[in-house]
């Protein structure tokens, strides 16, 4: 009859009962070797990694007064001496020889924008092949101001060394030197400098604080 379910008989006419579910074996992964490998790799990378080397900055400081000898003294013409000042307000000033700017005698330091320092270095080194630069930084000025100025010195030195016209005129004025070297030194900010700025510079340049 249609719709009847015909059960197949297995051999012997015996019916199978319900199957018992198979027992699954518990799997346990031993992570100890992985931990060992992780620590070994960590130690390996720590040992082989090249750490950043400390960067040293070369600074030319004048000798102390009591240690100074006659040989240490270098005679420089006033016209070949460029002084760059950074006051306690982190402002730039410069002074060179007896040159005048806008009717003002630069025997008193004159303000200069921070973004014009490089141009100033290039111009005066170009005009005066025997130029010497003296950097004077107030003790209360930011340390980064000195770093920025020394960076400008390196940049200007590299730029001028690549300029053939400049190198020709420089070697003619300095035959004893094979290549251009930015002559500079860092001097101590003295009490006299503070007095000059407080009594004369700020009043004459309009930089009174």
N, C-alpha and C. Protein backbone atom coordinates (compact mmCIF):
# COMPACT_ATOMS: atom_id res chain seq x y z
N UNK A 1 0.86 -1.17 0.00
CA UNK A 1 0.00 0.00 0.00
C UNK A 1 0.89 1.22 0.00
N UNK A 2 0.45 2.20 -0.78
CA UNK A 2 1.26 3.42 -0.85
C UNK A 2 1.24 4.11 0.49
N UNK A 3 2.37 4.70 0.85
CA UNK A 3 2.47 5.44 2.10
C UNK A 3 2.91 4.57 3.25
N UNK A 4 2.93 3.25 3.07
CA UNK A 4 3.41 2.40 4.16
C UNK A 4 4.91 2.48 4.26
N UNK A 5 5.38 2.45 5.43
CA UNK A 5 6.81 2.47 5.66
C UNK A 5 7.29 1.05 5.76
N UNK A 6 8.16 0.71 4.88
CA UNK A 6 8.69 -0.65 4.88
C UNK A 6 10.01 -0.64 5.62
N UNK A 7 10.07 -1.37 6.66
CA UNK A 7 11.31 -1.47 7.42
C UNK A 7 12.16 -2.57 6.85
N UNK A 8 13.43 -2.19 6.64
CA UNK A 8 14.37 -3.18 6.14
C UNK A 8 14.89 -3.99 7.30
N UNK A 9 14.92 -5.23 7.03
CA UNK A 9 15.42 -6.11 8.07
C UNK A 9 16.88 -6.41 7.82
N UNK A 10 17.58 -6.35 8.88
CA UNK A 10 18.99 -6.71 8.76
C UNK A 10 19.09 -8.21 8.83
N UNK A 11 20.25 -8.68 8.52
CA UNK A 11 20.44 -10.12 8.55
C UNK A 11 20.05 -10.73 9.87
N UNK A 12 19.35 -11.81 9.81
CA UNK A 12 18.96 -12.50 11.03
C UNK A 12 17.68 -11.97 11.60
N UNK A 13 17.14 -10.86 10.97
CA UNK A 13 15.88 -10.34 11.43
C UNK A 13 15.94 -9.61 12.74
N UNK A 14 17.14 -9.28 13.20
CA UNK A 14 17.28 -8.56 14.47
C UNK A 14 17.32 -7.06 14.23
N UNK A 15 16.62 -6.31 15.07
CA UNK A 15 16.62 -4.85 14.98
C UNK A 15 17.69 -4.27 15.88
N UNK A 16 18.38 -3.24 15.34
CA UNK A 16 19.40 -2.56 16.14
C UNK A 16 18.74 -1.60 17.10
N UNK A 17 19.23 -1.55 18.30
CA UNK A 17 18.71 -0.60 19.26
C UNK A 17 19.34 0.79 19.07
N UNK A 18 19.07 1.70 19.99
CA UNK A 18 19.64 3.05 19.91
C UNK A 18 21.14 3.00 20.14
N UNK A 19 21.84 3.77 19.32
CA UNK A 19 23.30 3.81 19.46
C UNK A 19 23.70 4.72 20.62
N UNK A 20 24.65 4.31 21.36
CA UNK A 20 25.17 5.14 22.45
C UNK A 20 26.12 6.18 21.87
N UNK A 21 25.98 7.42 22.27
CA UNK A 21 26.89 8.45 21.72
C UNK A 21 28.34 8.17 22.09
N UNK A 22 29.18 8.44 21.12
CA UNK A 22 30.60 8.22 21.35
C UNK A 22 31.14 9.25 22.33
N UNK A 23 31.99 8.83 23.19
CA UNK A 23 32.62 9.73 24.15
C UNK A 23 33.80 10.43 23.48
N UNK A 24 33.78 11.74 23.56
CA UNK A 24 34.89 12.50 22.97
C UNK A 24 36.01 12.66 23.98
N UNK A 25 37.17 12.45 23.49
CA UNK A 25 38.33 12.58 24.37
C UNK A 25 38.67 14.06 24.55
N UNK A 26 38.92 14.52 25.76
CA UNK A 26 39.32 15.90 26.01
C UNK A 26 40.73 16.17 25.49
N UNK A 27 40.86 17.28 24.72
CA UNK A 27 42.16 17.63 24.14
C UNK A 27 42.78 18.76 24.96
N UNK A 28 43.96 18.62 25.40
CA UNK A 28 44.67 19.64 26.20
C UNK A 28 45.96 20.01 25.49
N UNK A 29 46.08 21.30 25.16
CA UNK A 29 47.28 21.78 24.47
C UNK A 29 48.24 22.34 25.51
N UNK A 30 49.41 21.84 25.51
CA UNK A 30 50.43 22.31 26.45
C UNK A 30 51.07 23.59 25.89
N UNK A 31 50.83 24.72 26.55
CA UNK A 31 51.33 26.02 26.06
C UNK A 31 52.72 26.35 26.57
N UNK A 32 53.28 25.49 27.37
CA UNK A 32 54.60 25.80 27.95
C UNK A 32 55.67 26.05 26.89
N UNK A 33 55.78 25.22 25.85
CA UNK A 33 56.80 25.50 24.82
C UNK A 33 56.58 26.84 24.12
N UNK A 34 55.30 27.20 23.89
CA UNK A 34 55.03 28.48 23.21
C UNK A 34 55.48 29.66 24.07
N UNK A 35 55.25 29.57 25.38
CA UNK A 35 55.69 30.64 26.28
C UNK A 35 57.21 30.74 26.26
N UNK A 36 57.87 29.59 26.26
CA UNK A 36 59.34 29.60 26.21
C UNK A 36 59.84 30.26 24.93
N UNK A 37 59.21 29.93 23.81
CA UNK A 37 59.63 30.51 22.53
C UNK A 37 59.39 32.01 22.51
N UNK A 38 58.24 32.45 23.07
CA UNK A 38 57.93 33.88 23.10
C UNK A 38 58.98 34.66 23.88
N UNK A 39 59.38 34.14 25.02
CA UNK A 39 60.39 34.83 25.82
C UNK A 39 61.76 34.79 25.14
N UNK A 40 62.07 33.69 24.48
CA UNK A 40 63.34 33.61 23.75
C UNK A 40 63.39 34.64 22.63
N UNK A 41 62.28 34.78 21.89
CA UNK A 41 62.23 35.78 20.83
C UNK A 41 62.33 37.19 21.39
N UNK A 42 61.65 37.42 22.51
CA UNK A 42 61.70 38.75 23.13
C UNK A 42 63.13 39.10 23.54
N UNK A 43 63.81 38.15 24.16
CA UNK A 43 65.21 38.39 24.57
C UNK A 43 66.09 38.59 23.35
N UNK A 44 65.83 37.81 22.29
CA UNK A 44 66.63 37.93 21.07
C UNK A 44 66.51 39.33 20.46
N UNK A 45 65.26 39.83 20.35
CA UNK A 45 65.06 41.15 19.75
C UNK A 45 65.62 42.26 20.64
N UNK A 46 65.54 42.09 21.95
CA UNK A 46 66.10 43.10 22.84
C UNK A 46 67.62 43.19 22.72
N UNK A 47 68.24 42.02 22.53
CA UNK A 47 69.70 41.99 22.44
C UNK A 47 70.19 42.49 21.09
N UNK A 48 69.47 42.16 20.03
CA UNK A 48 69.94 42.49 18.68
C UNK A 48 69.47 43.85 18.18
N UNK A 49 68.49 44.45 18.83
CA UNK A 49 67.98 45.75 18.37
C UNK A 49 69.02 46.83 18.60
N UNK A 50 69.20 47.68 17.59
CA UNK A 50 70.13 48.81 17.70
C UNK A 50 69.38 49.99 18.28
N UNK A 51 69.75 50.38 19.47
CA UNK A 51 69.09 51.51 20.12
C UNK A 51 69.65 52.82 19.56
N UNK A 52 68.86 53.88 19.66
CA UNK A 52 69.29 55.18 19.15
C UNK A 52 70.51 55.66 19.93
N UNK A 53 71.54 55.99 19.18
CA UNK A 53 72.76 56.47 19.81
C UNK A 53 72.56 57.88 20.32
N UNK A 54 73.11 58.21 21.48
CA UNK A 54 72.98 59.59 21.98
C UNK A 54 73.68 60.56 21.05
N UNK A 55 73.01 61.64 20.75
CA UNK A 55 73.56 62.62 19.82
C UNK A 55 74.36 63.66 20.60
N UNK A 56 75.61 63.76 20.24
CA UNK A 56 76.48 64.73 20.89
C UNK A 56 76.52 66.01 20.08
N UNK A 57 76.53 67.12 20.74
CA UNK A 57 76.57 68.41 20.07
C UNK A 57 77.90 69.09 20.39
N UNK A 58 78.65 69.40 19.35
CA UNK A 58 79.94 70.05 19.55
C UNK A 58 79.74 71.55 19.75
N UNK A 59 80.25 72.05 20.86
CA UNK A 59 80.11 73.46 21.19
C UNK A 59 81.49 74.04 21.46
N UNK A 60 81.77 75.15 20.82
CA UNK A 60 83.04 75.82 21.04
C UNK A 60 82.88 76.87 22.13
N UNK A 61 83.45 76.61 23.28
CA UNK A 61 83.38 77.55 24.39
C UNK A 61 84.73 78.22 24.59
N UNK A 62 84.73 79.48 24.92
CA UNK A 62 86.00 80.16 25.18
C UNK A 62 86.62 79.64 26.47
N UNK A 63 87.94 79.68 26.60
CA UNK A 63 88.58 79.23 27.83
C UNK A 63 88.23 80.15 28.99
N UNK A 64 88.31 79.61 30.21
CA UNK A 64 88.06 80.43 31.38
C UNK A 64 89.14 81.50 31.50
N UNK A 65 88.77 82.60 32.12
CA UNK A 65 89.70 83.74 32.21
C UNK A 65 91.01 83.34 32.87
N UNK A 66 90.93 82.52 33.93
CA UNK A 66 92.16 82.15 34.64
C UNK A 66 92.99 81.14 33.87
N UNK A 67 92.37 80.45 32.88
CA UNK A 67 93.10 79.46 32.10
C UNK A 67 93.54 80.01 30.75
N UNK A 68 93.11 81.18 30.40
CA UNK A 68 93.41 81.76 29.09
C UNK A 68 94.88 82.15 28.98
N UNK A 69 95.47 81.84 27.85
CA UNK A 69 96.86 82.21 27.58
C UNK A 69 96.90 83.18 26.41
N UNK A 70 98.07 83.71 26.15
CA UNK A 70 98.23 84.66 25.04
C UNK A 70 97.91 83.97 23.72
N UNK A 71 98.28 82.67 23.61
CA UNK A 71 98.04 81.94 22.37
C UNK A 71 96.55 81.73 22.12
N UNK A 72 95.75 81.71 23.20
CA UNK A 72 94.31 81.49 23.05
C UNK A 72 93.59 82.71 22.50
N UNK A 73 94.21 83.85 22.62
CA UNK A 73 93.54 85.08 22.20
C UNK A 73 93.66 85.27 20.68
N UNK A 74 92.54 85.46 20.07
CA UNK A 74 92.50 85.66 18.62
C UNK A 74 92.05 87.08 18.36
N UNK A 75 92.88 87.81 17.64
CA UNK A 75 92.54 89.20 17.32
C UNK A 75 91.58 89.22 16.14
N UNK A 76 90.46 89.85 16.35
CA UNK A 76 89.44 89.94 15.31
C UNK A 76 89.05 91.40 15.14
N UNK A 77 89.02 91.83 13.88
CA UNK A 77 88.60 93.21 13.63
C UNK A 77 87.14 93.38 14.02
N UNK A 78 86.82 94.54 14.54
CA UNK A 78 85.44 94.81 14.95
C UNK A 78 84.49 94.64 13.77
N UNK A 79 84.95 94.99 12.58
CA UNK A 79 84.09 94.88 11.39
C UNK A 79 83.84 93.42 10.99
N UNK A 80 84.67 92.50 11.49
CA UNK A 80 84.53 91.08 11.16
C UNK A 80 83.93 90.27 12.31
N UNK A 81 83.39 90.95 13.30
CA UNK A 81 82.80 90.24 14.44
C UNK A 81 81.29 90.46 14.47
N UNK A 82 80.57 89.37 14.29
CA UNK A 82 79.11 89.40 14.34
C UNK A 82 78.66 88.79 15.67
N UNK A 83 77.92 89.56 16.44
CA UNK A 83 77.40 89.06 17.71
C UNK A 83 75.90 88.79 17.57
N UNK A 84 75.49 87.62 17.97
CA UNK A 84 74.08 87.25 17.98
C UNK A 84 73.66 87.04 19.44
N UNK A 85 72.66 87.79 19.86
CA UNK A 85 72.17 87.70 21.24
C UNK A 85 70.79 87.04 21.26
N UNK A 86 70.55 86.25 22.30
CA UNK A 86 69.21 85.75 22.60
C UNK A 86 68.92 86.18 24.04
N UNK A 87 67.96 87.09 24.20
CA UNK A 87 67.69 87.60 25.54
C UNK A 87 66.79 86.66 26.34
N UNK A 88 66.44 87.07 27.54
CA UNK A 88 65.63 86.21 28.42
C UNK A 88 64.21 86.03 27.92
N UNK A 89 63.80 86.85 26.94
CA UNK A 89 62.47 86.71 26.35
C UNK A 89 62.51 85.86 25.08
N UNK A 90 63.68 85.27 24.79
CA UNK A 90 63.87 84.41 23.62
C UNK A 90 63.74 85.18 22.31
N UNK A 91 64.15 86.44 22.33
CA UNK A 91 64.19 87.26 21.12
C UNK A 91 65.63 87.38 20.63
N UNK A 92 65.78 87.49 19.31
CA UNK A 92 67.11 87.59 18.69
C UNK A 92 67.51 89.05 18.49
N UNK A 93 68.80 89.30 18.70
CA UNK A 93 69.39 90.62 18.43
C UNK A 93 70.76 90.38 17.80
N UNK A 94 71.20 91.35 17.01
CA UNK A 94 72.54 91.22 16.44
C UNK A 94 73.27 92.55 16.47
N UNK A 95 74.59 92.44 16.37
CA UNK A 95 75.44 93.63 16.41
C UNK A 95 76.70 93.30 15.63
N UNK A 96 77.10 94.22 14.75
CA UNK A 96 78.33 94.01 13.99
C UNK A 96 79.01 95.34 13.74
N UNK A 97 80.26 95.44 14.12
CA UNK A 97 81.05 96.64 13.88
C UNK A 97 80.34 97.92 14.26
N UNK A 98 80.51 98.93 13.43
CA UNK A 98 79.87 100.22 13.66
C UNK A 98 78.85 100.51 12.58
N UNK A 99 78.33 99.44 11.98
CA UNK A 99 77.36 99.60 10.90
C UNK A 99 76.07 100.21 11.43
N UNK A 100 75.37 100.91 10.56
CA UNK A 100 74.12 101.55 10.98
C UNK A 100 72.94 100.94 10.23
N UNK A 101 71.85 100.82 10.93
CA UNK A 101 70.61 100.33 10.33
C UNK A 101 69.51 101.29 10.70
N UNK A 102 68.83 101.80 9.70
CA UNK A 102 67.74 102.77 9.90
C UNK A 102 68.16 103.89 10.85
N UNK A 103 69.40 104.36 10.66
CA UNK A 103 69.87 105.49 11.45
C UNK A 103 70.31 105.13 12.85
N UNK A 104 70.25 103.85 13.23
CA UNK A 104 70.64 103.45 14.57
C UNK A 104 72.02 102.80 14.54
N UNK A 105 72.84 103.15 15.51
CA UNK A 105 74.17 102.58 15.60
C UNK A 105 74.07 101.15 16.13
N UNK A 106 74.62 100.21 15.39
CA UNK A 106 74.51 98.81 15.79
C UNK A 106 75.54 98.46 16.84
N UNK A 107 76.22 99.46 17.38
CA UNK A 107 77.02 99.18 18.57
C UNK A 107 76.09 98.76 19.70
N UNK A 108 74.82 99.09 19.55
CA UNK A 108 73.78 98.58 20.45
C UNK A 108 73.08 97.46 19.69
N UNK A 109 72.95 96.26 20.27
CA UNK A 109 72.30 95.14 19.56
C UNK A 109 70.93 95.52 19.03
N UNK A 110 70.66 95.06 17.82
CA UNK A 110 69.42 95.42 17.13
C UNK A 110 68.57 94.16 16.94
N UNK A 111 67.24 94.25 17.11
CA UNK A 111 66.38 93.06 17.00
C UNK A 111 66.33 92.51 15.58
N UNK A 112 66.14 91.22 15.49
CA UNK A 112 66.02 90.55 14.20
C UNK A 112 65.02 89.41 14.34
N UNK A 113 64.12 89.22 13.36
CA UNK A 113 63.16 88.11 13.45
C UNK A 113 63.88 86.76 13.43
N UNK A 114 63.30 85.79 14.09
CA UNK A 114 63.92 84.46 14.17
C UNK A 114 64.10 83.83 12.79
N UNK A 115 63.15 84.09 11.87
CA UNK A 115 63.25 83.48 10.54
C UNK A 115 64.23 84.20 9.62
N UNK A 116 64.90 85.24 10.13
CA UNK A 116 65.89 85.97 9.33
C UNK A 116 67.32 85.68 9.75
N UNK A 117 67.50 84.83 10.75
CA UNK A 117 68.85 84.54 11.24
C UNK A 117 69.70 83.88 10.16
N UNK A 118 69.13 82.92 9.43
CA UNK A 118 69.90 82.23 8.39
C UNK A 118 70.33 83.20 7.30
N UNK A 119 69.41 84.05 6.88
CA UNK A 119 69.72 85.05 5.85
C UNK A 119 70.83 85.98 6.33
N UNK A 120 70.78 86.35 7.62
CA UNK A 120 71.81 87.22 8.19
C UNK A 120 73.17 86.54 8.16
N UNK A 121 73.22 85.27 8.55
CA UNK A 121 74.47 84.51 8.54
C UNK A 121 75.05 84.43 7.13
N UNK A 122 74.20 84.13 6.16
CA UNK A 122 74.67 84.00 4.78
C UNK A 122 75.19 85.33 4.26
N UNK A 123 74.43 86.38 4.50
CA UNK A 123 74.81 87.71 3.97
C UNK A 123 76.16 88.16 4.51
N UNK A 124 76.35 88.09 5.82
CA UNK A 124 77.59 88.60 6.39
C UNK A 124 78.79 87.69 6.12
N UNK A 125 78.58 86.38 6.03
CA UNK A 125 79.69 85.50 5.66
C UNK A 125 80.08 85.73 4.21
N UNK A 126 79.10 86.09 3.38
CA UNK A 126 79.40 86.37 1.97
C UNK A 126 80.15 87.69 1.84
N UNK A 127 79.69 88.69 2.56
CA UNK A 127 80.31 90.01 2.46
C UNK A 127 81.67 90.07 3.15
N UNK A 128 81.87 89.28 4.20
CA UNK A 128 83.10 89.35 5.00
C UNK A 128 83.68 87.95 5.15
N UNK A 129 84.58 87.55 4.25
CA UNK A 129 85.13 86.19 4.26
C UNK A 129 85.86 85.83 5.55
N UNK A 130 86.26 86.81 6.33
CA UNK A 130 86.96 86.54 7.59
C UNK A 130 86.04 86.75 8.80
N UNK A 131 84.75 86.59 8.58
CA UNK A 131 83.78 86.84 9.64
C UNK A 131 83.91 85.82 10.78
N UNK A 132 83.78 86.31 12.01
CA UNK A 132 83.69 85.47 13.20
C UNK A 132 82.36 85.79 13.89
N UNK A 133 81.67 84.76 14.31
CA UNK A 133 80.36 84.94 14.95
C UNK A 133 80.43 84.54 16.41
N UNK A 134 79.90 85.40 17.25
CA UNK A 134 79.87 85.15 18.69
C UNK A 134 78.41 85.02 19.13
N UNK A 135 78.07 83.91 19.73
CA UNK A 135 76.70 83.66 20.18
C UNK A 135 76.61 83.88 21.68
N UNK A 136 75.71 84.76 22.09
CA UNK A 136 75.52 85.06 23.51
C UNK A 136 74.06 84.79 23.87
N UNK A 137 73.85 83.87 24.79
CA UNK A 137 72.50 83.44 25.13
C UNK A 137 72.25 83.66 26.62
N UNK A 138 71.15 84.34 26.91
CA UNK A 138 70.80 84.64 28.30
C UNK A 138 70.53 83.34 29.06
N UNK A 139 70.97 83.25 30.32
CA UNK A 139 70.75 82.02 31.10
C UNK A 139 69.28 81.63 31.24
N UNK A 140 68.37 82.61 31.15
CA UNK A 140 66.94 82.31 31.30
C UNK A 140 66.27 81.98 29.96
N UNK A 141 67.02 82.06 28.87
CA UNK A 141 66.44 81.73 27.56
C UNK A 141 66.24 80.22 27.46
N UNK A 142 65.34 79.82 26.57
CA UNK A 142 65.08 78.39 26.39
C UNK A 142 66.31 77.71 25.79
N UNK A 143 66.54 76.48 26.23
CA UNK A 143 67.67 75.71 25.70
C UNK A 143 67.52 75.49 24.20
N UNK A 144 66.28 75.34 23.76
CA UNK A 144 66.03 75.10 22.34
C UNK A 144 66.51 76.25 21.46
N UNK A 145 66.62 77.45 22.02
CA UNK A 145 67.08 78.59 21.24
C UNK A 145 68.53 78.38 20.81
N UNK A 146 69.35 77.86 21.72
CA UNK A 146 70.74 77.59 21.37
C UNK A 146 70.82 76.48 20.33
N UNK A 147 70.02 75.44 20.51
CA UNK A 147 70.01 74.33 19.56
C UNK A 147 69.61 74.82 18.17
N UNK A 148 68.59 75.66 18.11
CA UNK A 148 68.14 76.20 16.82
C UNK A 148 69.23 77.01 16.14
N UNK A 149 69.96 77.80 16.93
CA UNK A 149 71.02 78.62 16.34
C UNK A 149 72.16 77.75 15.81
N UNK A 150 72.53 76.73 16.56
CA UNK A 150 73.59 75.84 16.11
C UNK A 150 73.15 75.07 14.87
N UNK A 151 71.88 74.74 14.78
CA UNK A 151 71.36 74.10 13.56
C UNK A 151 71.49 75.04 12.36
N UNK A 152 71.19 76.31 12.58
CA UNK A 152 71.32 77.30 11.50
C UNK A 152 72.77 77.43 11.05
N UNK A 153 73.69 77.37 12.01
CA UNK A 153 75.12 77.44 11.68
C UNK A 153 75.50 76.29 10.74
N UNK A 154 75.04 75.07 11.06
CA UNK A 154 75.37 73.92 10.23
C UNK A 154 74.73 74.03 8.84
N UNK A 155 73.50 74.50 8.79
CA UNK A 155 72.81 74.63 7.50
C UNK A 155 73.52 75.65 6.61
N UNK A 156 73.86 76.80 7.19
CA UNK A 156 74.53 77.85 6.42
C UNK A 156 75.90 77.37 5.94
N UNK A 157 76.61 76.67 6.79
CA UNK A 157 77.92 76.15 6.41
C UNK A 157 77.80 75.21 5.21
N UNK A 158 76.81 74.32 5.24
CA UNK A 158 76.61 73.39 4.13
C UNK A 158 76.19 74.11 2.85
N UNK A 159 75.32 75.10 2.98
CA UNK A 159 74.86 75.85 1.80
C UNK A 159 76.00 76.60 1.13
N UNK A 160 76.82 77.26 1.92
CA UNK A 160 77.90 78.06 1.35
C UNK A 160 79.01 77.19 0.78
N UNK A 161 79.23 76.03 1.34
CA UNK A 161 80.25 75.13 0.79
C UNK A 161 79.88 74.65 -0.61
N UNK A 162 78.59 74.58 -0.88
CA UNK A 162 78.15 74.12 -2.21
C UNK A 162 78.08 75.24 -3.23
N UNK A 163 78.31 76.47 -2.78
CA UNK A 163 78.22 77.61 -3.69
C UNK A 163 79.62 77.91 -4.25
N UNK A 164 79.81 77.66 -5.53
CA UNK A 164 81.14 77.80 -6.14
C UNK A 164 81.62 79.25 -6.12
N UNK A 165 80.71 80.18 -6.38
CA UNK A 165 81.10 81.60 -6.39
C UNK A 165 81.59 82.03 -5.01
N UNK A 166 80.87 81.60 -3.98
CA UNK A 166 81.29 81.96 -2.62
C UNK A 166 82.63 81.33 -2.29
N UNK A 167 82.80 80.05 -2.62
CA UNK A 167 84.04 79.35 -2.28
C UNK A 167 85.24 79.96 -2.97
N UNK A 168 85.05 80.47 -4.18
CA UNK A 168 86.16 81.12 -4.89
C UNK A 168 86.63 82.36 -4.16
N UNK A 169 85.68 83.20 -3.74
CA UNK A 169 86.05 84.42 -3.02
C UNK A 169 86.57 84.10 -1.62
N UNK A 170 86.03 83.05 -1.01
CA UNK A 170 86.46 82.69 0.35
C UNK A 170 87.91 82.19 0.33
N UNK A 171 88.24 81.33 -0.62
CA UNK A 171 89.61 80.80 -0.70
C UNK A 171 90.61 81.89 -1.05
N UNK A 172 90.16 82.88 -1.82
CA UNK A 172 91.05 83.99 -2.15
C UNK A 172 91.40 84.80 -0.91
N UNK A 173 90.43 84.95 0.00
CA UNK A 173 90.66 85.70 1.24
C UNK A 173 91.29 84.84 2.33
N UNK A 174 91.12 83.52 2.23
CA UNK A 174 91.67 82.59 3.23
C UNK A 174 92.43 81.47 2.53
N UNK A 175 93.58 81.78 1.93
CA UNK A 175 94.32 80.77 1.16
C UNK A 175 94.81 79.60 2.00
N UNK A 176 94.91 79.80 3.31
CA UNK A 176 95.41 78.72 4.17
C UNK A 176 94.34 77.67 4.47
N UNK A 177 93.09 77.94 4.11
CA UNK A 177 91.99 77.01 4.39
C UNK A 177 91.52 76.34 3.10
N UNK A 178 91.34 75.03 3.17
CA UNK A 178 90.91 74.28 2.00
C UNK A 178 89.41 74.39 1.75
N UNK A 179 88.64 74.53 2.81
CA UNK A 179 87.20 74.65 2.65
C UNK A 179 86.64 75.60 3.69
N UNK A 180 85.43 76.07 3.43
CA UNK A 180 84.80 77.03 4.32
C UNK A 180 84.41 76.38 5.64
N UNK A 181 84.72 77.06 6.72
CA UNK A 181 84.30 76.62 8.05
C UNK A 181 83.66 77.81 8.76
N UNK A 182 82.44 77.63 9.20
CA UNK A 182 81.72 78.70 9.88
C UNK A 182 82.41 78.96 11.22
N UNK A 183 83.05 80.12 11.33
CA UNK A 183 83.77 80.44 12.56
C UNK A 183 82.78 81.00 13.59
N UNK A 184 82.62 80.28 14.67
CA UNK A 184 81.70 80.77 15.71
C UNK A 184 82.16 80.27 17.07
N UNK A 185 81.67 80.93 18.08
CA UNK A 185 81.94 80.53 19.45
C UNK A 185 80.77 80.98 20.32
N UNK A 186 80.60 80.31 21.46
CA UNK A 186 79.55 80.69 22.41
C UNK A 186 80.21 81.34 23.61
N UNK A 187 79.78 82.53 23.93
CA UNK A 187 80.35 83.26 25.07
C UNK A 187 79.33 83.35 26.19
N UNK A 188 79.82 83.68 27.37
CA UNK A 188 78.94 83.81 28.54
C UNK A 188 78.18 85.13 28.48
N UNK A 189 76.92 85.07 28.86
CA UNK A 189 76.12 86.29 28.98
C UNK A 189 76.52 86.96 30.29
N UNK A 190 77.08 88.14 30.20
CA UNK A 190 77.62 88.81 31.39
C UNK A 190 76.62 89.78 32.01
N UNK A 191 76.94 90.25 33.19
CA UNK A 191 76.11 91.27 33.84
C UNK A 191 76.11 92.56 33.02
N UNK A 192 77.21 92.80 32.34
CA UNK A 192 77.29 93.99 31.49
C UNK A 192 76.29 93.89 30.34
N UNK A 193 76.14 92.70 29.77
CA UNK A 193 75.16 92.51 28.70
C UNK A 193 73.75 92.78 29.21
N UNK A 194 73.45 92.29 30.40
CA UNK A 194 72.13 92.53 31.00
C UNK A 194 71.88 94.02 31.19
N UNK A 195 72.90 94.72 31.66
CA UNK A 195 72.77 96.16 31.89
C UNK A 195 72.54 96.91 30.58
N UNK A 196 73.29 96.53 29.55
CA UNK A 196 73.14 97.17 28.24
C UNK A 196 71.73 96.98 27.70
N UNK A 197 71.21 95.76 27.83
CA UNK A 197 69.86 95.49 27.33
C UNK A 197 68.81 96.25 28.14
N UNK A 198 68.94 96.24 29.44
CA UNK A 198 67.93 96.89 30.29
C UNK A 198 67.93 98.41 30.14
N UNK A 199 69.12 98.99 29.99
CA UNK A 199 69.23 100.44 29.99
C UNK A 199 69.21 101.06 28.59
N UNK A 200 69.64 100.31 27.58
CA UNK A 200 69.78 100.92 26.26
C UNK A 200 69.01 100.20 25.16
N UNK A 201 69.17 98.89 25.10
CA UNK A 201 68.60 98.16 23.96
C UNK A 201 67.08 98.26 23.91
N UNK A 202 66.40 97.92 24.99
CA UNK A 202 64.95 97.90 24.96
C UNK A 202 64.36 99.29 24.73
N UNK A 203 65.04 100.31 25.23
CA UNK A 203 64.51 101.67 25.05
C UNK A 203 64.74 102.17 23.63
N UNK A 204 65.88 101.81 23.02
CA UNK A 204 66.20 102.30 21.67
C UNK A 204 65.51 101.51 20.58
N UNK A 205 65.29 100.23 20.82
CA UNK A 205 64.72 99.38 19.77
C UNK A 205 63.22 99.18 19.92
N UNK A 206 62.65 99.73 20.98
CA UNK A 206 61.22 99.56 21.19
C UNK A 206 60.86 98.20 21.73
N UNK A 207 61.85 97.51 22.28
CA UNK A 207 61.60 96.17 22.80
C UNK A 207 61.42 96.14 24.29
N UNK A 208 60.94 97.22 24.88
CA UNK A 208 60.77 97.27 26.33
C UNK A 208 59.72 96.26 26.75
N UNK A 209 60.03 95.49 27.78
CA UNK A 209 59.11 94.45 28.25
C UNK A 209 58.38 94.92 29.50
